[in-house]
């Protein structure tokens, strides 16, 4: 992959926080398609707005196609709807979308629920569905179907299981495991940003020019999991390692980061180390994070 020079003062094109030209849907595992788009951290308010580099954070949605049913993981950000809808049409063709799993009640994760319900009138919203009737009054009561940790849905050849989240943006957050393609959807876990150039969006982790570290992890983490500063991230990291080694996923699919595939110990280590630095004093130091990360089985291994 071509190495890119650092962006400087000459990089003066107008910037939008949420971009509306996402990549076409991409099949990243058998029957699992990657949808969504990017957010430009340089257009965010606060310290990130001062950056010259074009650093993007994904706001992903995923579509799982079984032999009998389909399920969408996250609704996609409302600003990305046009691209999400095109992706759904391209993949589903004449099939309906049977389920949508919004991991929690935040716009990047549930912002398109009312649009999805209008497009697919028989769709079922699954997961921790409390309060969605308040956020989206147009949703039919019967479309809201609670599904807690341990609940499974058979899509035909692929079974999904709802998991308790290890990284919580909100108390209702859940994760998802898809057996068959063996994909772990870890929502706000393992989030990271990437350099943005014309050919960089739509790449999985092993296709990026460099392994993200430092600010590429700090920007999304500081924005979404501020609670890490008051938490024991050593315990959370250990739970994550145990989950990875138990499930042995072929692919890890965060909502805010490119899908993580192949040999990824260094990337996972960088993320855990950076999050560790946000921990409350004494909870975990960067040097304590690395052994845990080293114990993680890389996706596909």
C-alpha atoms as a PDB file:
ATOM      1  CA  UNK A   1       0.000   0.000   0.000  1.00  0.00           C
ATOM      2  CA  UNK A   2       1.200   3.512  -0.816  1.00  0.00           C
ATOM      3  CA  UNK A   3       2.503   5.569   2.062  1.00  0.00           C
ATOM      4  CA  UNK A   4       0.937   8.996   2.367  1.00  0.00           C
ATOM      5  CA  UNK A   5       2.611  12.227   3.480  1.00  0.00           C
ATOM      6  CA  UNK A   6       1.291  13.932   6.567  1.00  0.00           C
ATOM      7  CA  UNK A   7      -1.398  16.502   5.873  1.00  0.00           C
ATOM      8  CA  UNK A   8      -0.342  20.075   6.563  1.00  0.00           C
ATOM      9  CA  UNK A   9      -1.558  23.633   6.327  1.00  0.00           C
ATOM     10  CA  UNK A  10      -2.199  23.239   2.602  1.00  0.00           C
ATOM     11  CA  UNK A  11      -4.938  20.737   3.413  1.00  0.00           C
ATOM     12  CA  UNK A  12      -7.671  23.372   3.528  1.00  0.00           C
ATOM     13  CA  UNK A  13     -10.685  21.729   1.870  1.00  0.00           C
ATOM     14  CA  UNK A  14     -13.976  22.193   3.768  1.00  0.00           C
ATOM     15  CA  UNK A  15     -14.567  19.473   6.332  1.00  0.00           C
ATOM     16  CA  UNK A  16     -17.762  17.830   7.460  1.00  0.00           C
ATOM     17  CA  UNK A  17     -18.063  15.719  10.609  1.00  0.00           C
ATOM     18  CA  UNK A  18     -20.219  13.123   8.894  1.00  0.00           C
ATOM     19  CA  UNK A  19     -19.488  12.207   5.328  1.00  0.00           C
ATOM     20  CA  UNK A  20     -22.231  11.025   3.035  1.00  0.00           C
ATOM     21  CA  UNK A  21     -20.216   9.112   0.434  1.00  0.00           C
ATOM     22  CA  UNK A  22     -19.631   5.726   2.110  1.00  0.00           C
ATOM     23  CA  UNK A  23     -17.942   2.843   0.360  1.00  0.00           C
ATOM     24  CA  UNK A  24     -20.126   0.290  -1.432  1.00  0.00           C
ATOM     25  CA  UNK A  25     -21.211  -2.691   0.693  1.00  0.00           C
ATOM     26  CA  UNK A  26     -18.356  -5.137   1.121  1.00  0.00           C
ATOM     27  CA  UNK A  27     -18.629  -8.822   2.037  1.00  0.00           C
ATOM     28  CA  UNK A  28     -16.063  -9.228   4.804  1.00  0.00           C
ATOM     29  CA  UNK A  29     -17.049 -12.765   5.882  1.00  0.00           C
ATOM     30  CA  UNK A  30     -19.393 -15.319   4.312  1.00  0.00           C
ATOM     31  CA  UNK A  31     -22.830 -13.691   4.378  1.00  0.00           C
ATOM     32  CA  UNK A  32     -21.627 -10.661   6.382  1.00  0.00           C
ATOM     33  CA  UNK A  33     -21.596  -7.276   4.665  1.00  0.00           C
ATOM     34  CA  UNK A  34     -19.995  -4.026   5.848  1.00  0.00           C
ATOM     35  CA  UNK A  35     -22.093  -0.855   5.466  1.00  0.00           C
ATOM     36  CA  UNK A  36     -21.876   2.666   6.861  1.00  0.00           C
ATOM     37  CA  UNK A  37     -19.477   5.540   6.517  1.00  0.00           C
ATOM     38  CA  UNK A  38     -16.847   7.725   8.165  1.00  0.00           C
ATOM     39  CA  UNK A  39     -16.721  10.695  10.497  1.00  0.00           C
ATOM     40  CA  UNK A  40     -13.920  13.261  10.156  1.00  0.00           C
ATOM     41  CA  UNK A  41     -12.508  13.952  13.642  1.00  0.00           C
ATOM     42  CA  UNK A  42     -11.030  17.220  12.382  1.00  0.00           C
ATOM     43  CA  UNK A  43     -14.585  18.561  12.046  1.00  0.00           C
ATOM     44  CA  UNK A  44     -15.524  17.621  15.622  1.00  0.00           C
ATOM     45  CA  UNK A  45     -15.701  20.312  18.260  1.00  0.00           C
ATOM     46  CA  UNK A  46     -12.998  20.667  20.883  1.00  0.00           C
ATOM     47  CA  UNK A  47      -9.342  19.727  20.652  1.00  0.00           C
ATOM     48  CA  UNK A  48      -9.765  17.446  17.641  1.00  0.00           C
ATOM     49  CA  UNK A  49     -11.029  20.364  15.535  1.00  0.00           C
ATOM     50  CA  UNK A  50      -7.510  21.831  15.643  1.00  0.00           C
ATOM     51  CA  UNK A  51      -5.997  18.841  13.872  1.00  0.00           C
ATOM     52  CA  UNK A  52      -4.665  19.232  10.359  1.00  0.00           C
ATOM     53  CA  UNK A  53      -4.586  15.499   9.642  1.00  0.00           C
ATOM     54  CA  UNK A  54      -7.679  13.984   8.059  1.00  0.00           C
ATOM     55  CA  UNK A  55      -8.345  11.325  10.669  1.00  0.00           C
ATOM     56  CA  UNK A  56     -11.559   9.380  10.145  1.00  0.00           C
ATOM     57  CA  UNK A  57     -13.598   7.223  12.530  1.00  0.00           C
ATOM     58  CA  UNK A  58     -16.000   4.699  11.084  1.00  0.00           C
ATOM     59  CA  UNK A  59     -19.658   4.572  12.030  1.00  0.00           C
ATOM     60  CA  UNK A  60     -20.329   1.073  10.789  1.00  0.00           C
ATOM     61  CA  UNK A  61     -23.387  -1.020  10.254  1.00  0.00           C
ATOM     62  CA  UNK A  62     -23.299  -4.666   9.238  1.00  0.00           C
ATOM     63  CA  UNK A  63     -25.746  -6.925   7.423  1.00  0.00           C
ATOM     64  CA  UNK A  64     -25.892 -10.667   8.114  1.00  0.00           C
ATOM     65  CA  UNK A  65     -27.596 -12.771   5.452  1.00  0.00           C
ATOM     66  CA  UNK A  66     -28.810 -16.229   6.463  1.00  0.00           C
ATOM     67  CA  UNK A  67     -30.520 -18.795   4.275  1.00  0.00           C
ATOM     68  CA  UNK A  68     -33.904 -17.813   5.732  1.00  0.00           C
ATOM     69  CA  UNK A  69     -33.596 -14.482   7.545  1.00  0.00           C
ATOM     70  CA  UNK A  70     -31.467 -11.329   7.583  1.00  0.00           C
ATOM     71  CA  UNK A  71     -30.277  -9.182  10.471  1.00  0.00           C
ATOM     72  CA  UNK A  72     -28.691  -5.741  10.494  1.00  0.00           C
ATOM     73  CA  UNK A  73     -26.212  -4.917  13.265  1.00  0.00           C
ATOM     74  CA  UNK A  74     -26.600  -1.203  14.110  1.00  0.00           C
ATOM     75  CA  UNK A  75     -28.871   1.041  12.056  1.00  0.00           C
ATOM     76  CA  UNK A  76     -26.069   3.268  10.816  1.00  0.00           C
ATOM     77  CA  UNK A  77     -25.761   6.986  11.567  1.00  0.00           C
ATOM     78  CA  UNK A  78     -28.697   9.061  10.334  1.00  0.00           C
ATOM     79  CA  UNK A  79     -26.282  11.227   8.300  1.00  0.00           C
ATOM     80  CA  UNK A  80     -25.252   8.123   6.346  1.00  0.00           C
ATOM     81  CA  UNK A  81     -28.763   6.967   5.488  1.00  0.00           C
ATOM     82  CA  UNK A  82     -28.544   7.429   1.722  1.00  0.00           C
ATOM     83  CA  UNK A  83     -25.471   5.193   1.516  1.00  0.00           C
ATOM     84  CA  UNK A  84     -26.844   2.671   3.998  1.00  0.00           C
ATOM     85  CA  UNK A  85     -30.058   2.398   2.013  1.00  0.00           C
ATOM     86  CA  UNK A  86     -28.148   1.867  -1.238  1.00  0.00           C
ATOM     87  CA  UNK A  87     -26.131  -0.866   0.440  1.00  0.00           C
ATOM     88  CA  UNK A  88     -29.238  -2.618   1.742  1.00  0.00           C
ATOM     89  CA  UNK A  89     -30.853  -2.493  -1.691  1.00  0.00           C
ATOM     90  CA  UNK A  90     -27.725  -3.860  -3.363  1.00  0.00           C
ATOM     91  CA  UNK A  91     -27.324  -6.797  -0.971  1.00  0.00           C
ATOM     92  CA  UNK A  92     -30.921  -7.701  -0.152  1.00  0.00           C
ATOM     93  CA  UNK A  93     -32.388  -7.108  -3.615  1.00  0.00           C
ATOM     94  CA  UNK A  94     -35.978  -8.386  -3.266  1.00  0.00           C
ATOM     95  CA  UNK A  95     -35.514  -9.882   0.204  1.00  0.00           C
ATOM     96  CA  UNK A  96     -36.867  -8.077   3.273  1.00  0.00           C
ATOM     97  CA  UNK A  97     -34.758  -7.013   6.222  1.00  0.00           C
ATOM     98  CA  UNK A  98     -36.116  -9.189   9.034  1.00  0.00           C
ATOM     99  CA  UNK A  99     -34.239  -7.903  12.090  1.00  0.00           C
ATOM    100  CA  UNK A 100     -32.233  -4.887  13.168  1.00  0.00           C
ATOM    101  CA  UNK A 101     -30.095  -4.930  16.303  1.00  0.00           C
ATOM    102  CA  UNK A 102     -29.277  -1.398  17.497  1.00  0.00           C
ATOM    103  CA  UNK A 103     -26.692  -2.010  20.212  1.00  0.00           C
ATOM    104  CA  UNK A 104     -27.811   0.988  22.285  1.00  0.00           C
ATOM    105  CA  UNK A 105     -29.770   4.230  22.226  1.00  0.00           C
ATOM    106  CA  UNK A 106     -27.337   6.610  20.557  1.00  0.00           C
ATOM    107  CA  UNK A 107     -27.622   8.167  17.090  1.00  0.00           C
ATOM    108  CA  UNK A 108     -24.628   6.379  15.465  1.00  0.00           C
ATOM    109  CA  UNK A 109     -26.170   3.077  16.552  1.00  0.00           C
ATOM    110  CA  UNK A 110     -29.945   3.610  16.250  1.00  0.00           C
ATOM    111  CA  UNK A 111     -30.405   6.808  14.236  1.00  0.00           C
ATOM    112  CA  UNK A 112     -32.033   5.131  11.229  1.00  0.00           C
ATOM    113  CA  UNK A 113     -34.590   2.979  13.070  1.00  0.00           C
ATOM    114  CA  UNK A 114     -37.642   4.933  11.933  1.00  0.00           C
ATOM    115  CA  UNK A 115     -36.400   4.916   8.324  1.00  0.00           C
ATOM    116  CA  UNK A 116     -35.769   1.176   8.443  1.00  0.00           C
ATOM    117  CA  UNK A 117     -39.236   0.569   9.896  1.00  0.00           C
ATOM    118  CA  UNK A 118     -40.786   2.635   7.106  1.00  0.00           C
ATOM    119  CA  UNK A 119     -38.809   0.785   4.416  1.00  0.00           C
ATOM    120  CA  UNK A 120     -39.403  -2.673   5.935  1.00  0.00           C
ATOM    121  CA  UNK A 121     -42.796  -2.583   7.723  1.00  0.00           C
ATOM    122  CA  UNK A 122     -42.456  -6.100   9.176  1.00  0.00           C
ATOM    123  CA  UNK A 123     -38.976  -5.558  10.631  1.00  0.00           C
ATOM    124  CA  UNK A 124     -38.322  -6.591  14.243  1.00  0.00           C
ATOM    125  CA  UNK A 125     -36.110  -4.387  16.448  1.00  0.00           C
ATOM    126  CA  UNK A 126     -34.201  -6.738  18.762  1.00  0.00           C
ATOM    127  CA  UNK A 127     -31.907  -6.257  21.742  1.00  0.00           C
ATOM    128  CA  UNK A 128     -32.473  -4.098  24.810  1.00  0.00           C
ATOM    129  CA  UNK A 129     -35.389  -2.201  23.295  1.00  0.00           C
ATOM    130  CA  UNK A 130     -36.494  -0.133  26.289  1.00  0.00           C
ATOM    131  CA  UNK A 131     -37.030   3.556  25.539  1.00  0.00           C
ATOM    132  CA  UNK A 132     -37.039   3.185  21.747  1.00  0.00           C
ATOM    133  CA  UNK A 133     -40.757   3.954  21.757  1.00  0.00           C
ATOM    134  CA  UNK A 134     -39.793   7.353  23.191  1.00  0.00           C
ATOM    135  CA  UNK A 135     -36.966   8.031  20.745  1.00  0.00           C
ATOM    136  CA  UNK A 136     -38.974   6.795  17.747  1.00  0.00           C
ATOM    137  CA  UNK A 137     -42.730   7.067  18.448  1.00  0.00           C
ATOM    138  CA  UNK A 138     -43.546   5.830  14.942  1.00  0.00           C
ATOM    139  CA  UNK A 139     -42.257   2.330  15.768  1.00  0.00           C
ATOM    140  CA  UNK A 140     -44.995  -0.244  16.248  1.00  0.00           C
ATOM    141  CA  UNK A 141     -45.059  -1.683  19.764  1.00  0.00           C
ATOM    142  CA  UNK A 142     -45.115  -5.222  18.375  1.00  0.00           C
ATOM    143  CA  UNK A 143     -41.921  -4.544  16.411  1.00  0.00           C
ATOM    144  CA  UNK A 144     -39.923  -4.074  19.636  1.00  0.00           C
ATOM    145  CA  UNK A 145     -38.754  -7.516  20.765  1.00  0.00           C
ATOM    146  CA  UNK A 146     -36.537  -7.745  23.856  1.00  0.00           C
ATOM    147  CA  UNK A 147     -33.485  -9.977  23.489  1.00  0.00           C
ATOM    148  CA  UNK A 148     -31.039 -10.127  26.374  1.00  0.00           C
ATOM    149  CA  UNK A 149     -27.665 -11.846  26.773  1.00  0.00           C
ATOM    150  CA  UNK A 150     -27.935 -15.523  25.915  1.00  0.00           C
ATOM    151  CA  UNK A 151     -30.840 -15.040  23.490  1.00  0.00           C
ATOM    152  CA  UNK A 152     -30.251 -16.612  20.077  1.00  0.00           C
ATOM    153  CA  UNK A 153     -31.848 -16.091  16.672  1.00  0.00           C
ATOM    154  CA  UNK A 154     -31.472 -18.651  13.876  1.00  0.00           C
ATOM    155  CA  UNK A 155     -31.117 -16.936  10.493  1.00  0.00           C
ATOM    156  CA  UNK A 156     -30.685 -20.208   8.607  1.00  0.00           C
ATOM    157  CA  UNK A 157     -27.130 -21.515   8.612  1.00  0.00           C
ATOM    158  CA  UNK A 158     -26.062 -18.651  10.866  1.00  0.00           C
ATOM    159  CA  UNK A 159     -27.102 -18.229  14.481  1.00  0.00           C
ATOM    160  CA  UNK A 160     -26.610 -14.971  16.351  1.00  0.00           C
ATOM    161  CA  UNK A 161     -26.282 -14.759  20.120  1.00  0.00           C
ATOM    162  CA  UNK A 162     -26.649 -11.616  22.200  1.00  0.00           C
ATOM    163  CA  UNK A 163     -23.733 -11.040  24.575  1.00  0.00           C
ATOM    164  CA  UNK A 164     -23.209  -8.757  27.563  1.00  0.00           C
ATOM    165  CA  UNK A 165     -21.059  -5.807  26.497  1.00  0.00           C
ATOM    166  CA  UNK A 166     -17.632  -5.313  28.054  1.00  0.00           C
ATOM    167  CA  UNK A 167     -17.366  -1.692  26.859  1.00  0.00           C
ATOM    168  CA  UNK A 168     -20.566   0.172  27.766  1.00  0.00           C
ATOM    169  CA  UNK A 169     -21.435   3.507  26.183  1.00  0.00           C
ATOM    170  CA  UNK A 170     -24.875   3.226  27.829  1.00  0.00           C
ATOM    171  CA  UNK A 171     -26.236   0.712  30.372  1.00  0.00           C
ATOM    172  CA  UNK A 172     -28.329  -0.981  27.658  1.00  0.00           C
ATOM    173  CA  UNK A 173     -25.364  -1.780  25.379  1.00  0.00           C
ATOM    174  CA  UNK A 174     -25.013  -5.364  24.167  1.00  0.00           C
ATOM    175  CA  UNK A 175     -22.623  -7.150  21.821  1.00  0.00           C
ATOM    176  CA  UNK A 176     -23.406  -9.878  19.272  1.00  0.00           C
ATOM    177  CA  UNK A 177     -21.802 -13.131  18.164  1.00  0.00           C
ATOM    178  CA  UNK A 178     -22.580 -14.698  14.781  1.00  0.00           C
ATOM    179  CA  UNK A 179     -21.706 -18.399  14.632  1.00  0.00           C
ATOM    180  CA  UNK A 180     -21.117 -19.826  11.185  1.00  0.00           C
ATOM    181  CA  UNK A 181     -19.134 -16.866   9.852  1.00  0.00           C
ATOM    182  CA  UNK A 182     -17.758 -16.556  13.432  1.00  0.00           C
ATOM    183  CA  UNK A 183     -17.829 -12.776  13.713  1.00  0.00           C
ATOM    184  CA  UNK A 184     -17.770 -10.832  16.995  1.00  0.00           C
ATOM    185  CA  UNK A 185     -19.610  -7.501  16.832  1.00  0.00           C
ATOM    186  CA  UNK A 186     -18.020  -5.548  19.687  1.00  0.00           C
ATOM    187  CA  UNK A 187     -19.822  -2.200  19.175  1.00  0.00           C
ATOM    188  CA  UNK A 188     -17.811   0.480  21.058  1.00  0.00           C
ATOM    189  CA  UNK A 189     -15.058  -1.978  21.958  1.00  0.00           C
ATOM    190  CA  UNK A 190     -11.760  -1.813  20.019  1.00  0.00           C
ATOM    191  CA  UNK A 191     -12.609   1.465  18.332  1.00  0.00           C
ATOM    192  CA  UNK A 192      -9.920   3.334  16.422  1.00  0.00           C
ATOM    193  CA  UNK A 193      -9.535   5.867  13.615  1.00  0.00           C
ATOM    194  CA  UNK A 194      -7.582   5.788  10.375  1.00  0.00           C
ATOM    195  CA  UNK A 195      -5.732   8.218   8.134  1.00  0.00           C
ATOM    196  CA  UNK A 196      -7.965   9.500   5.377  1.00  0.00           C
ATOM    197  CA  UNK A 197      -6.817   9.748   1.808  1.00  0.00           C
ATOM    198  CA  UNK A 198      -8.729   8.993  -1.366  1.00  0.00           C
ATOM    199  CA  UNK A 199      -8.092   5.244  -1.148  1.00  0.00           C
ATOM    200  CA  UNK A 200      -8.101   4.662   2.611  1.00  0.00           C
ATOM    201  CA  UNK A 201     -11.802   4.395   3.488  1.00  0.00           C
ATOM    202  CA  UNK A 202     -13.350   0.958   3.111  1.00  0.00           C
ATOM    203  CA  UNK A 203     -10.158  -0.932   4.032  1.00  0.00           C
ATOM    204  CA  UNK A 204     -10.012  -3.663   6.684  1.00  0.00           C
ATOM    205  CA  UNK A 205      -7.335  -3.562   9.361  1.00  0.00           C
ATOM    206  CA  UNK A 206      -4.684  -5.505   7.467  1.00  0.00           C
ATOM    207  CA  UNK A 207      -5.017  -3.234   4.424  1.00  0.00           C
ATOM    208  CA  UNK A 208      -4.218   0.012   6.255  1.00  0.00           C
ATOM    209  CA  UNK A 209      -0.826   1.558   5.475  1.00  0.00           C
ATOM    210  CA  UNK A 210       0.210   1.521   9.163  1.00  0.00           C
ATOM    211  CA  UNK A 211      -1.030  -0.108  12.351  1.00  0.00           C
ATOM    212  CA  UNK A 212      -3.083   2.568  14.168  1.00  0.00           C
ATOM    213  CA  UNK A 213      -1.724   3.764  17.511  1.00  0.00           C
ATOM    214  CA  UNK A 214      -1.612   6.868  19.729  1.00  0.00           C
ATOM    215  CA  UNK A 215      -3.973   9.636  18.537  1.00  0.00           C
ATOM    216  CA  UNK A 216      -5.675   7.257  16.120  1.00  0.00           C
ATOM    217  CA  UNK A 217      -7.069   5.449  19.180  1.00  0.00           C
ATOM    218  CA  UNK A 218      -7.263   8.370  21.620  1.00  0.00           C
ATOM    219  CA  UNK A 219      -9.677  10.491  19.546  1.00  0.00           C
ATOM    220  CA  UNK A 220     -12.626   8.069  19.477  1.00  0.00           C
ATOM    221  CA  UNK A 221     -11.872   6.706  22.944  1.00  0.00           C
ATOM    222  CA  UNK A 222     -11.844  10.090  24.648  1.00  0.00           C
ATOM    223  CA  UNK A 223     -15.064  10.999  22.887  1.00  0.00           C
ATOM    224  CA  UNK A 224     -17.099   7.892  23.698  1.00  0.00           C
ATOM    225  CA  UNK A 225     -15.727   6.046  26.743  1.00  0.00           C
ATOM    226  CA  UNK A 226     -14.754   8.786  29.167  1.00  0.00           C
ATOM    227  CA  UNK A 227     -15.830   6.436  31.951  1.00  0.00           C
ATOM    228  CA  UNK A 228     -12.607   4.465  31.378  1.00  0.00           C
ATOM    229  CA  UNK A 229     -10.816   7.075  33.501  1.00  0.00           C
ATOM    230  CA  UNK A 230     -12.829   5.844  36.488  1.00  0.00           C
ATOM    231  CA  UNK A 231     -12.839   2.128  35.743  1.00  0.00           C
ATOM    232  CA  UNK A 232     -10.591  -0.863  36.238  1.00  0.00           C
ATOM    233  CA  UNK A 233      -9.629  -1.448  32.636  1.00  0.00           C
ATOM    234  CA  UNK A 234      -7.327  -4.311  33.662  1.00  0.00           C
ATOM    235  CA  UNK A 235     -10.359  -6.387  34.592  1.00  0.00           C
ATOM    236  CA  UNK A 236     -12.244  -5.387  31.449  1.00  0.00           C
ATOM    237  CA  UNK A 237      -9.236  -6.191  29.251  1.00  0.00           C
ATOM    238  CA  UNK A 238      -8.901  -9.596  30.907  1.00  0.00           C
ATOM    239  CA  UNK A 239     -12.560 -10.337  30.225  1.00  0.00           C
ATOM    240  CA  UNK A 240     -12.059  -9.333  26.610  1.00  0.00           C
ATOM    241  CA  UNK A 241      -9.055 -11.642  26.275  1.00  0.00           C
ATOM    242  CA  UNK A 242     -11.079 -14.509  27.747  1.00  0.00           C
ATOM    243  CA  UNK A 243     -13.955 -13.832  25.344  1.00  0.00           C
ATOM    244  CA  UNK A 244     -11.653 -13.740  22.307  1.00  0.00           C
ATOM    245  CA  UNK A 245      -9.921 -16.950  23.304  1.00  0.00           C
ATOM    246  CA  UNK A 246     -13.248 -18.681  23.976  1.00  0.00           C
ATOM    247  CA  UNK A 247     -14.972 -17.651  20.748  1.00  0.00           C
ATOM    248  CA  UNK A 248     -11.929 -17.630  18.420  1.00  0.00           C
ATOM    249  CA  UNK A 249     -13.590 -15.223  15.952  1.00  0.00           C
ATOM    250  CA  UNK A 250     -12.586 -15.178  12.305  1.00  0.00           C
ATOM    251  CA  UNK A 251     -13.241 -11.434  12.307  1.00  0.00           C
ATOM    252  CA  UNK A 252     -13.921  -8.710  14.900  1.00  0.00           C
ATOM    253  CA  UNK A 253     -16.354  -6.027  13.754  1.00  0.00           C
ATOM    254  CA  UNK A 254     -16.362  -2.816  15.837  1.00  0.00           C
ATOM    255  CA  UNK A 255     -18.865  -0.065  15.100  1.00  0.00           C
ATOM    256  CA  UNK A 256     -16.152   2.594  15.239  1.00  0.00           C
ATOM    257  CA  UNK A 257     -13.172   1.081  13.462  1.00  0.00           C
ATOM    258  CA  UNK A 258     -12.324  -0.917  10.370  1.00  0.00           C
ATOM    259  CA  UNK A 259     -13.107  -4.647  10.686  1.00  0.00           C
ATOM    260  CA  UNK A 260     -10.214  -6.412  12.362  1.00  0.00           C
ATOM    261  CA  UNK A 261      -8.964  -9.446  10.468  1.00  0.00           C
ATOM    262  CA  UNK A 262      -5.910 -11.655  10.238  1.00  0.00           C
ATOM    263  CA  UNK A 263      -2.797 -11.096  12.332  1.00  0.00           C
ATOM    264  CA  UNK A 264      -3.911  -8.239  14.564  1.00  0.00           C
ATOM    265  CA  UNK A 265      -2.180  -8.686  17.912  1.00  0.00           C
ATOM    266  CA  UNK A 266      -0.294  -5.402  17.506  1.00  0.00           C
ATOM    267  CA  UNK A 267      -3.454  -3.417  16.770  1.00  0.00           C
ATOM    268  CA  UNK A 268      -5.348  -4.998  19.676  1.00  0.00           C
ATOM    269  CA  UNK A 269      -2.357  -4.399  21.939  1.00  0.00           C
ATOM    270  CA  UNK A 270      -2.202  -0.734  20.886  1.00  0.00           C
ATOM    271  CA  UNK A 271      -5.895  -0.283  21.643  1.00  0.00           C
ATOM    272  CA  UNK A 272      -5.731  -1.981  25.044  1.00  0.00           C
ATOM    273  CA  UNK A 273      -2.562  -0.069  25.968  1.00  0.00           C
ATOM    274  CA  UNK A 274      -4.092   3.284  25.032  1.00  0.00           C
ATOM    275  CA  UNK A 275      -7.321   2.571  26.898  1.00  0.00           C
ATOM    276  CA  UNK A 276      -5.220   1.502  29.885  1.00  0.00           C
ATOM    277  CA  UNK A 277      -3.669   4.947  30.053  1.00  0.00           C
ATOM    278  CA  UNK A 278      -7.157   6.367  30.562  1.00  0.00           C
ATOM    279  CA  UNK A 279      -7.790   4.151  33.586  1.00  0.00           C
ATOM    280  CA  UNK A 280      -8.124   5.535  37.066  1.00  0.00           C
ATOM    281  CA  UNK A 281      -4.776   5.805  38.922  1.00  0.00           C
ATOM    282  CA  UNK A 282      -3.488   2.412  39.930  1.00  0.00           C
ATOM    283  CA  UNK A 283      -6.052   0.471  37.934  1.00  0.00           C
ATOM    284  CA  UNK A 284      -3.745  -0.464  35.087  1.00  0.00           C
ATOM    285  CA  UNK A 285      -0.581   0.800  33.511  1.00  0.00           C
ATOM    286  CA  UNK A 286       0.400   0.533  29.848  1.00  0.00           C
ATOM    287  CA  UNK A 287       3.040  -2.049  30.650  1.00  0.00           C
ATOM    288  CA  UNK A 288       0.385  -4.205  32.311  1.00  0.00           C
ATOM    289  CA  UNK A 289      -1.840  -4.136  29.259  1.00  0.00           C
ATOM    290  CA  UNK A 290       0.586  -5.741  26.843  1.00  0.00           C
ATOM    291  CA  UNK A 291       0.705  -9.274  28.358  1.00  0.00           C
ATOM    292  CA  UNK A 292      -3.089  -9.445  28.130  1.00  0.00           C
ATOM    293  CA  UNK A 293      -3.038  -8.311  24.530  1.00  0.00           C
ATOM    294  CA  UNK A 294      -0.320 -10.798  23.696  1.00  0.00           C
ATOM    295  CA  UNK A 295      -2.618 -13.564  24.980  1.00  0.00           C
ATOM    296  CA  UNK A 296      -5.361 -12.676  22.503  1.00  0.00           C
ATOM    297  CA  UNK A 297      -5.813 -15.084  19.630  1.00  0.00           C
ATOM    298  CA  UNK A 298      -5.848 -13.015  16.458  1.00  0.00           C
ATOM    299  CA  UNK A 299      -9.034 -13.270  14.368  1.00  0.00           C
ATOM    300  CA  UNK A 300      -8.904 -16.234  12.048  1.00  0.00           C
ATOM    301  CA  UNK A 301      -6.398 -18.139  14.154  1.00  0.00           C
END
